[in-house]
Protein backbone atom coordinates (compact mmCIF):
# COMPACT_ATOMS: atom_id res chain seq x y z
CA UNK A 1 0.00 0.00 0.00
CA UNK A 2 1.34 3.41 -0.93
CA UNK A 3 1.77 6.14 1.64
CA UNK A 4 -0.18 9.34 1.27
CA UNK A 5 3.04 11.12 0.34
CA UNK A 6 3.70 8.65 -2.47
CA UNK A 7 0.15 9.01 -3.76
CA UNK A 8 0.45 12.79 -3.62
CA UNK A 9 3.74 12.68 -5.51
CA UNK A 10 2.22 10.45 -8.21
CA UNK A 11 -0.79 12.72 -8.58
CA UNK A 12 1.43 15.81 -8.84
CA UNK A 13 3.58 14.16 -11.50
CA UNK A 14 0.52 13.05 -13.49
CA UNK A 15 -1.03 16.52 -13.46
CA UNK A 16 2.30 18.08 -14.45
CA UNK A 17 2.77 15.56 -17.27
CA UNK A 18 -0.75 16.15 -18.60
CA UNK A 19 -0.30 19.92 -18.48
CA UNK A 20 3.00 19.71 -20.34
CA UNK A 21 1.48 17.34 -22.90
CA UNK A 22 -1.58 19.48 -23.67
CA UNK A 23 0.04 21.49 -26.51
CA UNK A 24 1.24 18.30 -28.17
CA UNK A 25 -2.22 16.73 -28.16
CA UNK A 26 -3.36 18.94 -31.02
CA UNK A 27 -0.43 17.76 -33.13
CA UNK A 28 -1.10 14.10 -32.40
CA UNK A 29 -4.80 14.27 -33.30
CA UNK A 30 -4.45 16.60 -36.29
CA UNK A 31 -4.73 13.73 -38.78
CA UNK A 32 -7.97 12.46 -37.24
CA UNK A 33 -11.46 13.43 -38.32
CA UNK A 34 -12.96 16.41 -36.47
CA UNK A 35 -15.28 14.09 -34.54
CA UNK A 36 -12.39 11.91 -33.34
CA UNK A 37 -10.32 15.00 -32.52
CA UNK A 38 -13.12 16.21 -30.25
CA UNK A 39 -13.44 12.78 -28.66
CA UNK A 40 -9.69 12.59 -27.99
CA UNK A 41 -9.57 16.10 -26.57
CA UNK A 42 -12.64 15.45 -24.42
CA UNK A 43 -11.08 12.26 -23.09
CA UNK A 44 -7.86 14.09 -22.27
CA UNK A 45 -9.86 16.80 -20.50
CA UNK A 46 -11.71 14.18 -18.44
CA UNK A 47 -8.44 12.57 -17.40
CA UNK A 48 -7.03 15.98 -16.45
CA UNK A 49 -10.16 16.78 -14.41
CA UNK A 50 -9.95 13.48 -12.53
CA UNK A 51 -6.22 13.91 -11.90
CA UNK A 52 -6.73 17.42 -10.53
CA UNK A 53 -9.59 16.23 -8.32
CA UNK A 54 -7.42 13.42 -6.95
CA UNK A 55 -4.57 15.86 -6.33
CA UNK A 56 -6.93 18.22 -4.50
CA UNK A 57 -8.30 15.38 -2.37
CA UNK A 58 -4.82 14.15 -1.44
CA UNK A 59 -3.63 17.68 -0.68
CA UNK A 60 -6.58 18.15 1.67
CA UNK A 61 -5.83 14.82 3.36
CA UNK A 62 -2.21 15.81 3.92
CA UNK A 63 -3.33 19.16 5.34
CA UNK A 64 -5.55 17.35 7.86
CA UNK A 65 -2.88 14.82 8.80
CA UNK A 66 -1.33 15.43 12.20
CA UNK A 67 2.33 14.31 12.24
CA UNK A 68 2.21 14.20 16.04
CA UNK A 69 -0.61 11.65 16.02
CA UNK A 70 0.70 8.45 17.59
CA UNK A 71 -2.33 6.34 16.67
CA UNK A 72 -1.07 2.97 15.42
CA UNK A 73 -1.68 2.00 11.80
CA UNK A 74 -3.08 -1.35 10.76
CA UNK A 75 -0.56 -3.84 9.43
CA UNK A 76 -0.69 -4.67 5.72
C-alpha atoms as a PDB file:
ATOM      1  CA  UNK A   1       0.000   0.000   0.000  1.00  0.00           C
ATOM      2  CA  UNK A   2       1.339   3.412  -0.925  1.00  0.00           C
ATOM      3  CA  UNK A   3       1.775   6.136   1.640  1.00  0.00           C
ATOM      4  CA  UNK A   4      -0.184   9.336   1.272  1.00  0.00           C
ATOM      5  CA  UNK A   5       3.036  11.123   0.340  1.00  0.00           C
ATOM      6  CA  UNK A   6       3.698   8.645  -2.472  1.00  0.00           C
ATOM      7  CA  UNK A   7       0.146   9.014  -3.756  1.00  0.00           C
ATOM      8  CA  UNK A   8       0.451  12.795  -3.616  1.00  0.00           C
ATOM      9  CA  UNK A   9       3.741  12.679  -5.510  1.00  0.00           C
ATOM     10  CA  UNK A  10       2.225  10.452  -8.208  1.00  0.00           C
ATOM     11  CA  UNK A  11      -0.790  12.719  -8.582  1.00  0.00           C
ATOM     12  CA  UNK A  12       1.425  15.813  -8.842  1.00  0.00           C
ATOM     13  CA  UNK A  13       3.577  14.158 -11.495  1.00  0.00           C
ATOM     14  CA  UNK A  14       0.520  13.045 -13.492  1.00  0.00           C
ATOM     15  CA  UNK A  15      -1.028  16.524 -13.460  1.00  0.00           C
ATOM     16  CA  UNK A  16       2.305  18.085 -14.447  1.00  0.00           C
ATOM     17  CA  UNK A  17       2.766  15.559 -17.270  1.00  0.00           C
ATOM     18  CA  UNK A  18      -0.750  16.152 -18.597  1.00  0.00           C
ATOM     19  CA  UNK A  19      -0.302  19.923 -18.479  1.00  0.00           C
ATOM     20  CA  UNK A  20       3.004  19.707 -20.337  1.00  0.00           C
ATOM     21  CA  UNK A  21       1.482  17.343 -22.903  1.00  0.00           C
ATOM     22  CA  UNK A  22      -1.584  19.479 -23.671  1.00  0.00           C
ATOM     23  CA  UNK A  23       0.036  21.493 -26.512  1.00  0.00           C
ATOM     24  CA  UNK A  24       1.237  18.299 -28.175  1.00  0.00           C
ATOM     25  CA  UNK A  25      -2.215  16.730 -28.158  1.00  0.00           C
ATOM     26  CA  UNK A  26      -3.360  18.942 -31.024  1.00  0.00           C
ATOM     27  CA  UNK A  27      -0.433  17.762 -33.127  1.00  0.00           C
ATOM     28  CA  UNK A  28      -1.104  14.099 -32.397  1.00  0.00           C
ATOM     29  CA  UNK A  29      -4.797  14.273 -33.296  1.00  0.00           C
ATOM     30  CA  UNK A  30      -4.448  16.605 -36.290  1.00  0.00           C
ATOM     31  CA  UNK A  31      -4.731  13.728 -38.775  1.00  0.00           C
ATOM     32  CA  UNK A  32      -7.974  12.458 -37.244  1.00  0.00           C
ATOM     33  CA  UNK A  33     -11.464  13.433 -38.317  1.00  0.00           C
ATOM     34  CA  UNK A  34     -12.963  16.415 -36.469  1.00  0.00           C
ATOM     35  CA  UNK A  35     -15.277  14.087 -34.537  1.00  0.00           C
ATOM     36  CA  UNK A  36     -12.393  11.913 -33.341  1.00  0.00           C
ATOM     37  CA  UNK A  37     -10.322  14.995 -32.522  1.00  0.00           C
ATOM     38  CA  UNK A  38     -13.124  16.211 -30.253  1.00  0.00           C
ATOM     39  CA  UNK A  39     -13.437  12.781 -28.663  1.00  0.00           C
ATOM     40  CA  UNK A  40      -9.685  12.586 -27.991  1.00  0.00           C
ATOM     41  CA  UNK A  41      -9.568  16.100 -26.572  1.00  0.00           C
ATOM     42  CA  UNK A  42     -12.645  15.455 -24.420  1.00  0.00           C
ATOM     43  CA  UNK A  43     -11.082  12.261 -23.093  1.00  0.00           C
ATOM     44  CA  UNK A  44      -7.856  14.089 -22.267  1.00  0.00           C
ATOM     45  CA  UNK A  45      -9.863  16.803 -20.504  1.00  0.00           C
ATOM     46  CA  UNK A  46     -11.711  14.178 -18.439  1.00  0.00           C
ATOM     47  CA  UNK A  47      -8.437  12.567 -17.400  1.00  0.00           C
ATOM     48  CA  UNK A  48      -7.035  15.978 -16.447  1.00  0.00           C
ATOM     49  CA  UNK A  49     -10.158  16.785 -14.414  1.00  0.00           C
ATOM     50  CA  UNK A  50      -9.949  13.480 -12.532  1.00  0.00           C
ATOM     51  CA  UNK A  51      -6.225  13.908 -11.900  1.00  0.00           C
ATOM     52  CA  UNK A  52      -6.727  17.422 -10.529  1.00  0.00           C
ATOM     53  CA  UNK A  53      -9.592  16.235  -8.316  1.00  0.00           C
ATOM     54  CA  UNK A  54      -7.425  13.419  -6.949  1.00  0.00           C
ATOM     55  CA  UNK A  55      -4.568  15.862  -6.331  1.00  0.00           C
ATOM     56  CA  UNK A  56      -6.929  18.222  -4.500  1.00  0.00           C
ATOM     57  CA  UNK A  57      -8.303  15.376  -2.371  1.00  0.00           C
ATOM     58  CA  UNK A  58      -4.822  14.151  -1.443  1.00  0.00           C
ATOM     59  CA  UNK A  59      -3.634  17.678  -0.683  1.00  0.00           C
ATOM     60  CA  UNK A  60      -6.584  18.150   1.667  1.00  0.00           C
ATOM     61  CA  UNK A  61      -5.830  14.823   3.365  1.00  0.00           C
ATOM     62  CA  UNK A  62      -2.213  15.812   3.916  1.00  0.00           C
ATOM     63  CA  UNK A  63      -3.332  19.163   5.342  1.00  0.00           C
ATOM     64  CA  UNK A  64      -5.552  17.350   7.858  1.00  0.00           C
ATOM     65  CA  UNK A  65      -2.883  14.816   8.803  1.00  0.00           C
ATOM     66  CA  UNK A  66      -1.331  15.429  12.203  1.00  0.00           C
ATOM     67  CA  UNK A  67       2.328  14.314  12.238  1.00  0.00           C
ATOM     68  CA  UNK A  68       2.209  14.201  16.043  1.00  0.00           C
ATOM     69  CA  UNK A  69      -0.608  11.649  16.022  1.00  0.00           C
ATOM     70  CA  UNK A  70       0.701   8.452  17.593  1.00  0.00           C
ATOM     71  CA  UNK A  71      -2.325   6.342  16.672  1.00  0.00           C
ATOM     72  CA  UNK A  72      -1.068   2.972  15.422  1.00  0.00           C
ATOM     73  CA  UNK A  73      -1.680   2.002  11.797  1.00  0.00           C
ATOM     74  CA  UNK A  74      -3.078  -1.347  10.763  1.00  0.00           C
ATOM     75  CA  UNK A  75      -0.561  -3.838   9.425  1.00  0.00           C
ATOM     76  CA  UNK A  76      -0.691  -4.670   5.724  1.00  0.00           C
END
